Protein backbone atom coordinates (compact mmCIF):
# COMPACT_ATOMS: atom_id res chain seq x y z
CA MET A 1 -42.07 -28.58 6.97
CA PHE A 2 -39.32 -25.58 7.34
CA LYS A 3 -36.61 -27.79 5.71
CA GLN A 4 -38.70 -29.06 2.88
CA PHE A 5 -39.54 -25.77 1.98
CA ILE A 6 -35.99 -24.59 1.91
CA CYS A 7 -35.18 -27.70 -0.25
CA VAL A 8 -37.48 -26.79 -2.55
CA THR A 9 -36.54 -23.47 -3.15
CA ALA A 10 -33.10 -24.10 -3.75
CA PHE A 11 -33.98 -26.46 -5.88
CA LEU A 12 -35.92 -23.70 -8.08
CA ALA A 13 -33.88 -21.87 -7.61
CA LEU A 14 -30.88 -24.23 -9.20
CA PHE A 15 -33.53 -25.10 -12.19
CA SER A 16 -34.29 -21.55 -13.09
CA SER A 17 -30.41 -20.78 -12.98
CA SER A 18 -30.37 -23.56 -15.01
CA PHE A 19 -33.00 -23.19 -17.82
CA ALA A 20 -31.53 -19.51 -17.92
CA GLN A 21 -27.71 -20.64 -18.73
CA GLN A 22 -29.82 -22.81 -21.29
CA ALA A 23 -31.86 -20.39 -22.53
CA ASP A 24 -28.64 -18.12 -22.70
CA SER A 25 -26.67 -20.30 -25.00
CA VAL A 26 -29.54 -20.97 -27.69
CA VAL A 27 -30.03 -17.12 -27.89
CA PHE A 28 -26.23 -16.85 -28.61
CA VAL A 29 -25.65 -19.92 -30.88
CA ASN A 30 -28.60 -18.61 -32.91
CA ALA A 31 -27.90 -15.28 -33.33
CA HIS A 32 -27.13 -14.01 -36.84
CA TRP A 33 -23.63 -12.51 -37.27
CA SER A 34 -22.55 -9.95 -39.02
CA LYS A 35 -19.81 -11.46 -41.21
CA LYS A 36 -16.83 -9.86 -43.33
CA LYS A 37 -13.91 -10.68 -44.62
CA VAL A 38 -11.13 -8.51 -43.88
CA SER A 39 -8.01 -9.53 -44.61
CA LYS A 40 -6.41 -13.48 -45.86
CA ARG A 41 -8.37 -15.70 -43.84
CA THR A 42 -9.85 -13.10 -41.27
CA HIS A 43 -12.92 -12.62 -40.77
CA LEU A 44 -14.98 -9.75 -38.70
CA LEU A 45 -17.78 -10.83 -37.12
CA THR A 46 -20.18 -8.80 -34.70
CA HIS A 47 -23.82 -9.18 -33.16
CA HIS A 48 -25.63 -6.24 -30.79
CA PHE A 49 -27.89 -8.54 -28.88
CA ASN A 50 -30.36 -5.40 -28.14
CA GLU A 51 -33.35 -7.15 -26.28
CA LYS A 52 -31.56 -7.83 -23.06
CA ASN A 53 -31.83 -11.21 -23.89
CA LEU A 54 -28.34 -12.27 -23.17
CA PHE A 55 -27.71 -12.70 -19.52
CA ALA A 56 -30.27 -10.51 -19.03
CA ALA A 57 -28.56 -8.12 -20.62
CA ASN A 58 -27.62 -5.82 -23.59
CA GLN A 59 -24.56 -6.98 -25.30
CA ASN A 60 -22.18 -5.35 -28.45
CA ILE A 61 -19.37 -8.35 -29.12
CA SER A 62 -17.22 -8.06 -31.93
CA TYR A 63 -14.24 -10.33 -33.11
CA LEU A 64 -11.63 -11.38 -35.60
CA GLU A 65 -11.43 -14.94 -36.12
CA VAL A 66 -8.15 -16.17 -37.87
CA LYS A 67 -8.17 -19.18 -39.69
CA ASN A 68 -4.82 -21.77 -38.96
CA ARG A 69 -4.27 -22.58 -42.60
CA GLY A 70 -2.40 -21.56 -45.69
CA GLU A 71 -1.11 -18.08 -45.91
CA LYS A 72 -1.84 -16.62 -42.29
CA PRO A 73 -1.56 -13.33 -40.95
CA PHE A 74 1.71 -12.98 -39.05
CA ILE A 75 0.93 -11.90 -34.96
CA ALA A 76 2.84 -9.93 -33.06
CA PHE A 77 2.83 -7.60 -30.38
CA GLY A 78 2.95 -3.91 -30.47
CA PHE A 79 4.67 -1.91 -27.40
CA ASP A 80 6.13 0.66 -26.11
CA PRO A 81 8.08 -0.18 -22.75
CA ARG A 82 7.22 3.75 -21.25
CA VAL A 83 4.85 5.96 -23.27
CA LEU A 84 0.95 4.56 -23.32
CA LYS A 85 -0.83 5.06 -26.93
CA GLU A 86 -3.97 4.16 -28.69
CA THR A 87 -4.03 0.85 -29.93
CA ARG A 88 -4.51 2.20 -33.57
CA THR A 89 -1.54 4.22 -32.94
CA PHE A 90 -0.25 1.04 -32.38
CA ALA A 91 -0.97 -0.65 -35.55
CA ASP A 92 -0.36 2.42 -37.66
CA GLU A 93 3.26 2.51 -36.03
CA ASN A 94 3.63 -1.61 -37.57
CA ASN A 95 1.70 -1.03 -40.65
CA ALA A 96 -0.80 -3.86 -39.05
CA PHE A 97 -4.46 -4.49 -40.55
CA ALA A 98 -6.01 -5.08 -37.30
CA ALA A 99 -4.93 -4.70 -33.47
CA ILE A 100 -6.38 -4.95 -30.20
CA ASN A 101 -5.58 -3.99 -26.86
CA GLY A 102 -2.95 -5.72 -24.96
CA THR A 103 -2.31 -6.53 -20.86
CA PHE A 104 -2.99 -4.44 -17.71
CA PHE A 105 -0.12 -1.09 -17.55
CA ASP A 106 0.62 1.28 -15.52
CA ILE A 107 -1.86 4.18 -16.18
CA LYS A 108 0.16 6.95 -14.36
CA ASN A 109 3.75 6.18 -15.36
CA GLY A 110 3.23 4.05 -18.67
CA GLY A 111 4.37 0.82 -19.40
CA SER A 112 3.31 -2.77 -18.67
CA VAL A 113 3.01 -4.29 -15.05
CA ASP A 114 2.87 -7.46 -16.21
CA TYR A 115 6.00 -9.71 -18.13
CA LEU A 116 6.85 -8.55 -21.81
CA ARG A 117 9.13 -10.15 -23.29
CA VAL A 118 9.64 -9.08 -27.61
CA ASN A 119 11.60 -11.23 -29.59
CA GLY A 120 13.74 -12.54 -26.89
CA GLN A 121 14.15 -9.26 -25.08
CA THR A 122 12.16 -8.57 -21.50
CA VAL A 123 10.37 -5.19 -21.91
CA ASN A 124 8.60 -5.06 -18.90
CA GLU A 125 8.86 -7.45 -15.40
CA ASN A 126 5.78 -8.52 -13.65
CA GLN A 127 4.92 -5.61 -10.49
CA LEU A 128 4.21 -8.02 -7.97
CA GLY A 129 1.69 -7.22 -5.10
CA LYS A 130 2.76 -6.61 -1.29
CA GLY A 131 4.93 -10.08 0.08
CA GLY A 132 5.81 -10.85 -3.78
CA ASN A 133 2.28 -12.04 -4.81
CA ARG A 134 1.09 -12.19 -8.37
CA ALA A 135 -1.97 -10.64 -9.46
CA LEU A 136 -5.08 -12.75 -10.80
CA HIS A 137 -3.52 -11.26 -14.42
CA GLN A 138 0.39 -12.55 -13.98
CA ARG A 139 -0.57 -15.95 -13.72
CA ALA A 140 -1.16 -17.02 -17.49
CA ALA A 141 0.58 -16.18 -20.80
CA ILE A 142 0.25 -15.68 -24.23
CA VAL A 143 2.92 -16.79 -25.79
CA ILE A 144 3.92 -16.36 -29.73
CA ASP A 145 7.33 -18.17 -31.79
CA HIS A 146 6.85 -19.25 -35.31
CA ASN A 147 3.85 -17.43 -35.87
CA LYS A 148 1.69 -19.75 -33.80
CA LEU A 149 0.45 -18.39 -30.73
CA GLN A 150 -0.76 -20.26 -27.76
CA ILE A 151 -2.66 -19.66 -23.74
CA LYS A 152 0.12 -20.93 -21.15
CA LYS A 153 -0.75 -21.43 -16.84
CA TRP A 154 1.40 -20.74 -14.33
CA ASP A 155 2.90 -23.58 -12.95
CA GLY A 156 3.60 -21.86 -9.85
CA SER A 157 6.76 -21.55 -10.02
CA THR A 158 8.79 -17.71 -9.35
CA ASP A 159 10.75 -17.60 -12.64
CA TRP A 160 8.12 -19.67 -14.38
CA GLU A 161 7.47 -16.93 -17.19
CA LYS A 162 11.34 -16.45 -17.60
CA ASN A 163 11.85 -19.99 -18.37
CA LEU A 164 8.78 -20.36 -21.24
CA GLY A 165 11.14 -20.78 -24.42
CA GLU A 166 8.94 -18.81 -26.48
CA SER A 167 10.30 -15.44 -28.24
CA ASN A 168 7.39 -13.80 -27.47
CA VAL A 169 5.59 -13.82 -24.15
CA MET A 170 2.65 -11.46 -22.47
CA LEU A 171 1.29 -12.47 -19.13
CA SER A 172 -2.15 -11.88 -18.80
CA GLY A 173 -4.98 -13.08 -16.79
CA PRO A 174 -7.30 -14.14 -15.54
CA LEU A 175 -7.26 -17.76 -17.75
CA LEU A 176 -10.89 -18.73 -18.34
CA ILE A 177 -10.39 -22.39 -20.31
CA ILE A 178 -7.17 -24.20 -21.02
CA ASN A 179 -7.00 -27.66 -23.04
CA ASN A 180 -10.89 -27.98 -22.93
CA GLN A 181 -10.86 -27.08 -19.13
CA LYS A 182 -12.85 -24.24 -18.05
CA GLU A 183 -10.61 -22.75 -14.73
CA THR A 184 -12.13 -22.05 -11.42
CA LEU A 185 -12.51 -18.28 -11.04
CA ASP A 186 -12.25 -16.39 -7.50
CA THR A 187 -15.13 -14.79 -6.66
CA VAL A 188 -13.74 -11.30 -6.31
CA ALA A 189 -15.19 -8.21 -7.51
CA PHE A 190 -13.41 -7.93 -10.63
CA ASN A 191 -14.35 -11.18 -12.11
CA LYS A 192 -18.17 -10.68 -10.79
CA LEU A 193 -18.59 -7.38 -11.42
CA ARG A 194 -19.94 -6.63 -15.61
CA HIS A 195 -17.11 -4.35 -17.23
CA PRO A 196 -16.26 -4.31 -21.12
CA ARG A 197 -13.79 -6.96 -21.74
CA THR A 198 -11.57 -8.12 -24.37
CA ALA A 199 -10.56 -11.88 -24.50
CA ILE A 200 -8.19 -14.14 -27.06
CA GLY A 201 -9.24 -17.70 -27.59
CA ILE A 202 -8.76 -20.38 -29.10
CA LYS A 203 -10.24 -23.39 -31.12
CA PRO A 204 -9.39 -27.34 -31.81
CA ASN A 205 -8.68 -26.46 -35.29
CA GLY A 206 -6.53 -23.70 -33.64
CA ASN A 207 -8.37 -20.61 -35.07
CA LEU A 208 -7.73 -17.63 -33.09
CA LEU A 209 -10.49 -15.16 -32.20
CA PHE A 210 -9.44 -11.87 -30.93
CA LEU A 211 -12.83 -10.41 -28.95
CA THR A 212 -14.26 -7.24 -27.49
CA VAL A 213 -17.48 -7.24 -25.27
CA ASP A 214 -18.64 -3.47 -25.07
CA GLY A 215 -19.82 -2.32 -21.43
CA ARG A 216 -20.66 0.27 -19.27
CA ASN A 217 -23.29 1.73 -21.72
CA GLU A 218 -27.13 1.03 -21.95
CA ASN A 219 -26.54 -0.48 -25.37
CA SER A 220 -24.33 -3.26 -23.92
CA ASP A 221 -23.65 -3.81 -20.63
CA GLY A 222 -20.54 -5.62 -20.38
CA MET A 223 -19.78 -9.13 -18.67
CA SER A 224 -18.30 -10.70 -15.93
CA LEU A 225 -15.32 -13.20 -16.51
CA PHE A 226 -17.97 -15.90 -15.48
CA GLU A 227 -20.18 -14.66 -18.55
CA LEU A 228 -17.18 -14.24 -20.82
CA SER A 229 -15.69 -17.70 -20.26
CA LYS A 230 -19.30 -18.98 -21.10
CA ILE A 231 -19.03 -17.16 -24.62
CA MET A 232 -15.60 -17.96 -25.39
CA SER A 233 -16.67 -21.49 -24.99
CA TRP A 234 -19.65 -21.23 -26.64
CA LEU A 235 -17.43 -20.13 -29.55
CA GLY A 236 -15.62 -23.15 -29.64
CA CYS A 237 -12.57 -22.13 -27.97
CA THR A 238 -10.91 -24.87 -25.90
CA SER A 239 -8.27 -22.60 -24.53
CA ALA A 240 -9.43 -18.61 -23.88
CA ILE A 241 -7.47 -15.67 -21.64
CA ASN A 242 -8.60 -12.40 -20.44
CA LEU A 243 -7.10 -9.19 -21.15
CA ASP A 244 -6.82 -5.77 -19.82
CA GLY A 245 -10.50 -4.68 -20.33
CA GLY A 246 -12.89 -1.44 -18.70
CA GLY A 247 -12.03 1.70 -20.66
CA SER A 248 -8.71 -0.40 -22.39
CA THR A 249 -11.05 -2.94 -24.54
CA THR A 250 -10.62 -1.88 -27.87
CA LEU A 251 -10.53 -3.90 -31.65
CA TRP A 252 -9.34 -1.84 -34.55
CA VAL A 253 -9.85 -3.04 -38.16
CA ARG A 254 -7.73 -1.22 -40.81
CA GLY A 255 -10.40 0.51 -43.01
CA GLN A 256 -13.61 -0.28 -40.91
CA ASN A 257 -16.07 2.98 -39.83
CA GLU A 258 -14.13 6.09 -39.82
CA ASN A 259 -11.46 5.55 -37.34
CA GLY A 260 -11.18 1.93 -37.78
CA VAL A 261 -12.59 1.82 -34.21
CA VAL A 262 -15.08 -1.95 -34.58
CA ASN A 263 -16.52 -1.45 -30.91
CA TYR A 264 -17.46 1.11 -29.04
CA PRO A 265 -14.67 1.38 -26.43
CA SER A 266 -16.37 3.33 -23.11
CA ASP A 267 -13.54 5.33 -21.82
CA ASN A 268 -15.49 8.68 -23.41
CA LYS A 269 -18.71 8.09 -21.53
CA LYS A 270 -20.81 7.45 -25.33
CA TRP A 271 -21.53 4.86 -27.46
CA ASP A 272 -19.24 6.17 -30.62
CA HIS A 273 -16.13 4.75 -31.98
CA ASN A 274 -14.31 7.52 -30.54
CA GLY A 275 -13.74 6.29 -26.93
CA GLN A 276 -10.20 4.49 -27.04
CA ARG A 277 -8.36 4.32 -23.96
CA LYS A 278 -4.21 5.06 -24.37
CA VAL A 279 -2.74 1.40 -23.30
CA ALA A 280 0.90 0.34 -23.18
CA ASN A 281 0.52 -2.68 -25.59
CA VAL A 282 -1.24 -4.45 -28.61
CA ILE A 283 -1.62 -7.55 -30.28
CA LEU A 284 -1.20 -6.77 -34.03
CA LEU A 285 -2.14 -9.16 -36.89
CA LYS A 286 0.01 -8.08 -40.44
CA THR A 287 -0.27 -8.98 -43.46
CA SER A 288 3.48 -9.56 -43.68
CA PRO A 289 6.38 -10.05 -40.69
CA LYS A 290 8.52 -7.42 -42.72
CA GLN A 291 5.91 -4.86 -42.32
């Protein structure tokens, strides 16, 4: 009898979890997103799930979708090897019309802790852990070459990133989806707990998504990486990667709000657009490579 009870309980738990996931996907897919054109081939989409109806929580999501056709924006990395700056500052310095925060960095000393190469020149090397082990955010990369952005997975070799042929390489992670296959995520606290998140996704047609999820506020709880992976999949991405999140999570678009910040950065612990954290690097969208 006890074994039967355990089996029934396990079945009900599995059924309840499956039902909840299906309900979440329906809520997400049927959401009425606010959509605005911000540049050629580029739209800004935002939605506030404010009835605790996405993963049983409030969630505020913003993303840019860049269409892969015609005269699309120029994609580049903005960076400083030592000095930390706000995402909007990097955008202004590089005459970009939009920017999203990049990969992980040294808060005390500045500079990326993940390998960064720009225009063929190495800017920062990996800062490896004890025993030379890679962090979870050093096992995938965003690469840009001839204005094409791709996501690549670490092949296990020591000098993998240095052997990549693209002229622009930014390591980050964890990897969420690659070639339409969801990655198996470790059950470490960083992956399981809810935080503000930043991600980049690629659709089958080559469209790019630059996405932020706000968090650490009653208006938006933030997401685990398991939840983030789901929404990137629901948005149609066949490849997706996590970037630095937490207080770093910032999506900036010229002309939006009072300072261009679209989302609600959490570093000032307020629900406004003024809580940007200074970061080491960003991903930029520009109307011209010569700007």
